[in-house]
Amino acid sequence: MHTDSPQTDKDTSDYYKTAVPMSKMELLGNIVDEIIHSGHAVTNKSIISKLVSKIENETNIDALDSYRALLERVVHKTQDDFLV
């Protein structure tokens, strides 16, 4: 069984706008997936760049708020925060 799945970043964004609002972790996971699918390495810089791009192009207020909140979290995390 094959369902129509989003093929581009815009398709993905449009698909998730119509779905139930995502948590920050789900949103981050989608950003990471987009970066991987584009063939780039997943780094803080690439995540921040992708989020800034999404913020610049987004028109949905709720999505903008989600992207801004996630960007704030990513920017404020340091490498030390991930050490156990």
N, C-alpha and C. Protein backbone atom coordinates (compact mmCIF):
# COMPACT_ATOMS: atom_id res chain seq x y z
N MET A 1 0.84 -1.17 0.00
CA MET A 1 0.00 0.00 0.00
C MET A 1 0.89 1.23 0.00
N HIS A 2 0.63 2.13 -0.92
CA HIS A 2 1.44 3.33 -1.06
C HIS A 2 0.57 4.55 -0.79
N THR A 3 1.06 5.42 0.08
CA THR A 3 0.35 6.67 0.32
C THR A 3 1.17 7.80 -0.26
N ASP A 4 0.50 8.87 -0.60
CA ASP A 4 1.22 10.03 -1.10
C ASP A 4 1.96 10.67 0.05
N SER A 5 3.26 10.74 -0.08
CA SER A 5 4.07 11.35 0.96
C SER A 5 4.71 12.60 0.41
N PRO A 6 5.03 13.57 1.28
CA PRO A 6 5.64 14.81 0.84
C PRO A 6 6.98 14.53 0.16
N GLN A 7 7.27 15.24 -0.93
CA GLN A 7 8.49 15.02 -1.69
C GLN A 7 9.51 16.13 -1.54
N THR A 8 9.11 17.32 -1.17
CA THR A 8 10.02 18.45 -1.04
C THR A 8 9.89 19.04 0.36
N ASP A 9 10.83 19.95 0.71
CA ASP A 9 10.75 20.62 2.00
C ASP A 9 9.42 21.36 2.15
N LYS A 10 8.98 22.02 1.07
CA LYS A 10 7.71 22.75 1.13
C LYS A 10 6.55 21.79 1.31
N ASP A 11 6.57 20.66 0.59
CA ASP A 11 5.52 19.66 0.75
C ASP A 11 5.49 19.15 2.18
N THR A 12 6.66 18.90 2.74
CA THR A 12 6.76 18.42 4.12
C THR A 12 6.18 19.46 5.07
N SER A 13 6.58 20.72 4.87
CA SER A 13 6.09 21.80 5.72
C SER A 13 4.57 21.92 5.61
N ASP A 14 4.04 21.89 4.39
CA ASP A 14 2.59 21.99 4.19
C ASP A 14 1.86 20.82 4.84
N TYR A 15 2.43 19.63 4.71
CA TYR A 15 1.82 18.44 5.31
C TYR A 15 1.71 18.60 6.82
N TYR A 16 2.80 19.04 7.45
CA TYR A 16 2.79 19.13 8.91
C TYR A 16 1.98 20.30 9.42
N LYS A 17 1.74 21.30 8.60
CA LYS A 17 0.88 22.41 9.02
C LYS A 17 -0.55 21.92 9.23
N THR A 18 -0.96 20.94 8.44
CA THR A 18 -2.33 20.45 8.54
C THR A 18 -2.48 19.37 9.60
N ALA A 19 -1.38 18.83 10.06
CA ALA A 19 -1.41 17.77 11.07
C ALA A 19 -1.51 18.38 12.47
N VAL A 20 -1.59 17.52 13.45
CA VAL A 20 -1.61 17.94 14.85
C VAL A 20 -0.30 18.64 15.17
N PRO A 21 -0.33 19.72 15.97
CA PRO A 21 0.91 20.41 16.31
C PRO A 21 1.94 19.45 16.91
N MET A 22 3.19 19.64 16.50
CA MET A 22 4.27 18.76 16.94
C MET A 22 4.96 19.31 18.18
N SER A 23 5.56 18.41 18.93
CA SER A 23 6.39 18.82 20.04
C SER A 23 7.70 19.36 19.47
N LYS A 24 8.48 20.02 20.31
CA LYS A 24 9.78 20.54 19.86
C LYS A 24 10.69 19.42 19.38
N MET A 25 10.64 18.28 20.05
CA MET A 25 11.50 17.16 19.64
C MET A 25 11.07 16.60 18.29
N GLU A 26 9.77 16.52 18.04
CA GLU A 26 9.30 16.05 16.74
C GLU A 26 9.69 17.04 15.64
N LEU A 27 9.55 18.32 15.93
CA LEU A 27 9.92 19.35 14.97
C LEU A 27 11.42 19.28 14.68
N LEU A 28 12.22 19.12 15.72
CA LEU A 28 13.67 18.99 15.53
C LEU A 28 13.98 17.75 14.70
N GLY A 29 13.29 16.66 14.95
CA GLY A 29 13.49 15.45 14.17
C GLY A 29 13.19 15.67 12.70
N ASN A 30 12.15 16.43 12.40
CA ASN A 30 11.81 16.73 11.01
C ASN A 30 12.87 17.61 10.36
N ILE A 31 13.39 18.57 11.11
CA ILE A 31 14.46 19.44 10.60
C ILE A 31 15.69 18.59 10.29
N VAL A 32 16.05 17.70 11.21
CA VAL A 32 17.21 16.83 11.01
C VAL A 32 17.00 15.94 9.78
N ASP A 33 15.80 15.39 9.63
CA ASP A 33 15.49 14.57 8.45
C ASP A 33 15.68 15.36 7.15
N GLU A 34 15.21 16.60 7.14
CA GLU A 34 15.35 17.44 5.94
C GLU A 34 16.82 17.69 5.62
N ILE A 35 17.63 17.92 6.66
CA ILE A 35 19.06 18.15 6.46
C ILE A 35 19.72 16.90 5.90
N ILE A 36 19.41 15.76 6.47
CA ILE A 36 19.98 14.49 5.99
C ILE A 36 19.57 14.23 4.55
N HIS A 37 18.30 14.43 4.24
CA HIS A 37 17.81 14.19 2.88
C HIS A 37 18.43 15.14 1.86
N SER A 38 18.87 16.31 2.33
CA SER A 38 19.51 17.26 1.41
C SER A 38 20.98 16.93 1.20
N GLY A 39 21.49 15.92 1.94
CA GLY A 39 22.86 15.48 1.76
C GLY A 39 23.88 16.24 2.59
N HIS A 40 23.43 17.05 3.52
CA HIS A 40 24.34 17.81 4.36
C HIS A 40 24.54 17.12 5.72
N ALA A 41 25.62 17.48 6.38
CA ALA A 41 25.89 16.96 7.72
C ALA A 41 24.97 17.66 8.72
N VAL A 42 24.56 16.92 9.73
CA VAL A 42 23.72 17.49 10.78
C VAL A 42 24.63 18.09 11.84
N THR A 43 24.67 19.41 11.88
CA THR A 43 25.46 20.15 12.86
C THR A 43 24.57 21.22 13.46
N ASN A 44 25.02 21.83 14.56
CA ASN A 44 24.25 22.94 15.12
C ASN A 44 24.08 24.03 14.07
N LYS A 45 25.15 24.29 13.30
CA LYS A 45 25.10 25.32 12.27
C LYS A 45 24.04 24.99 11.21
N SER A 46 23.98 23.73 10.77
CA SER A 46 23.00 23.37 9.74
C SER A 46 21.57 23.41 10.29
N ILE A 47 21.40 23.03 11.54
CA ILE A 47 20.07 23.10 12.17
C ILE A 47 19.63 24.55 12.29
N ILE A 48 20.52 25.41 12.77
CA ILE A 48 20.21 26.83 12.92
C ILE A 48 19.89 27.44 11.56
N SER A 49 20.70 27.12 10.56
CA SER A 49 20.48 27.64 9.21
C SER A 49 19.12 27.22 8.67
N LYS A 50 18.77 25.96 8.85
CA LYS A 50 17.48 25.44 8.37
C LYS A 50 16.33 26.13 9.10
N LEU A 51 16.47 26.33 10.41
CA LEU A 51 15.42 27.00 11.18
C LEU A 51 15.26 28.45 10.75
N VAL A 52 16.37 29.15 10.54
CA VAL A 52 16.29 30.55 10.09
C VAL A 52 15.60 30.61 8.73
N SER A 53 15.94 29.69 7.85
CA SER A 53 15.30 29.63 6.53
C SER A 53 13.80 29.40 6.67
N LYS A 54 13.41 28.50 7.54
CA LYS A 54 11.99 28.21 7.74
C LYS A 54 11.27 29.44 8.30
N ILE A 55 11.91 30.14 9.24
CA ILE A 55 11.32 31.34 9.84
C ILE A 55 11.13 32.42 8.78
N GLU A 56 12.12 32.57 7.90
CA GLU A 56 12.04 33.59 6.86
C GLU A 56 10.92 33.31 5.86
N ASN A 57 10.60 32.05 5.64
CA ASN A 57 9.62 31.68 4.61
C ASN A 57 8.24 31.30 5.14
N GLU A 58 8.11 31.18 6.45
CA GLU A 58 6.85 30.72 7.05
C GLU A 58 5.83 31.85 7.13
N THR A 59 4.57 31.54 6.87
CA THR A 59 3.50 32.52 7.00
C THR A 59 2.53 32.16 8.12
N ASN A 60 2.54 30.91 8.56
CA ASN A 60 1.65 30.46 9.62
C ASN A 60 2.22 30.90 10.97
N ILE A 61 1.45 31.67 11.72
CA ILE A 61 1.90 32.23 12.99
C ILE A 61 2.27 31.14 13.99
N ASP A 62 1.46 30.10 14.09
CA ASP A 62 1.75 29.02 15.04
C ASP A 62 3.05 28.30 14.67
N ALA A 63 3.25 28.05 13.39
CA ALA A 63 4.49 27.40 12.95
C ALA A 63 5.69 28.31 13.22
N LEU A 64 5.52 29.61 12.98
CA LEU A 64 6.60 30.57 13.26
C LEU A 64 7.00 30.51 14.73
N ASP A 65 6.01 30.52 15.61
CA ASP A 65 6.28 30.45 17.04
C ASP A 65 7.03 29.17 17.40
N SER A 66 6.64 28.06 16.79
CA SER A 66 7.32 26.79 17.06
C SER A 66 8.76 26.83 16.59
N TYR A 67 8.99 27.35 15.37
CA TYR A 67 10.35 27.44 14.84
C TYR A 67 11.21 28.37 15.70
N ARG A 68 10.64 29.49 16.13
CA ARG A 68 11.40 30.44 16.97
C ARG A 68 11.76 29.82 18.32
N ALA A 69 10.82 29.13 18.92
CA ALA A 69 11.08 28.49 20.22
C ALA A 69 12.16 27.42 20.08
N LEU A 70 12.10 26.64 19.01
CA LEU A 70 13.11 25.62 18.78
C LEU A 70 14.47 26.25 18.51
N LEU A 71 14.50 27.32 17.72
CA LEU A 71 15.75 28.01 17.44
C LEU A 71 16.38 28.53 18.74
N GLU A 72 15.56 29.07 19.60
CA GLU A 72 16.05 29.57 20.89
C GLU A 72 16.70 28.44 21.69
N ARG A 73 16.08 27.28 21.71
CA ARG A 73 16.65 26.14 22.44
C ARG A 73 17.96 25.68 21.83
N VAL A 74 18.01 25.59 20.51
CA VAL A 74 19.23 25.12 19.84
C VAL A 74 20.37 26.10 20.06
N VAL A 75 20.09 27.39 19.96
CA VAL A 75 21.14 28.41 20.13
C VAL A 75 21.67 28.41 21.55
N HIS A 76 20.82 28.17 22.52
CA HIS A 76 21.25 28.23 23.92
C HIS A 76 21.90 26.95 24.42
N LYS A 77 21.84 25.87 23.66
CA LYS A 77 22.50 24.63 24.05
C LYS A 77 23.98 24.72 23.70
N THR A 78 24.80 24.22 24.57
CA THR A 78 26.23 24.14 24.27
C THR A 78 26.62 22.67 24.25
N GLN A 79 27.79 22.38 23.75
CA GLN A 79 28.25 21.00 23.69
C GLN A 79 28.28 20.38 25.08
N ASP A 80 28.60 21.16 26.10
CA ASP A 80 28.66 20.65 27.48
C ASP A 80 27.29 20.17 27.96
N ASP A 81 26.22 20.75 27.44
CA ASP A 81 24.88 20.36 27.85
C ASP A 81 24.55 18.93 27.47
N PHE A 82 25.25 18.39 26.48
CA PHE A 82 24.95 17.05 26.00
C PHE A 82 25.81 15.97 26.66
N LEU A 83 26.79 16.36 27.44
CA LEU A 83 27.65 15.39 28.12
C LEU A 83 26.94 14.84 29.35
N VAL A 84 27.09 13.56 29.59
CA VAL A 84 26.44 12.94 30.74
C VAL A 84 27.46 12.64 31.80
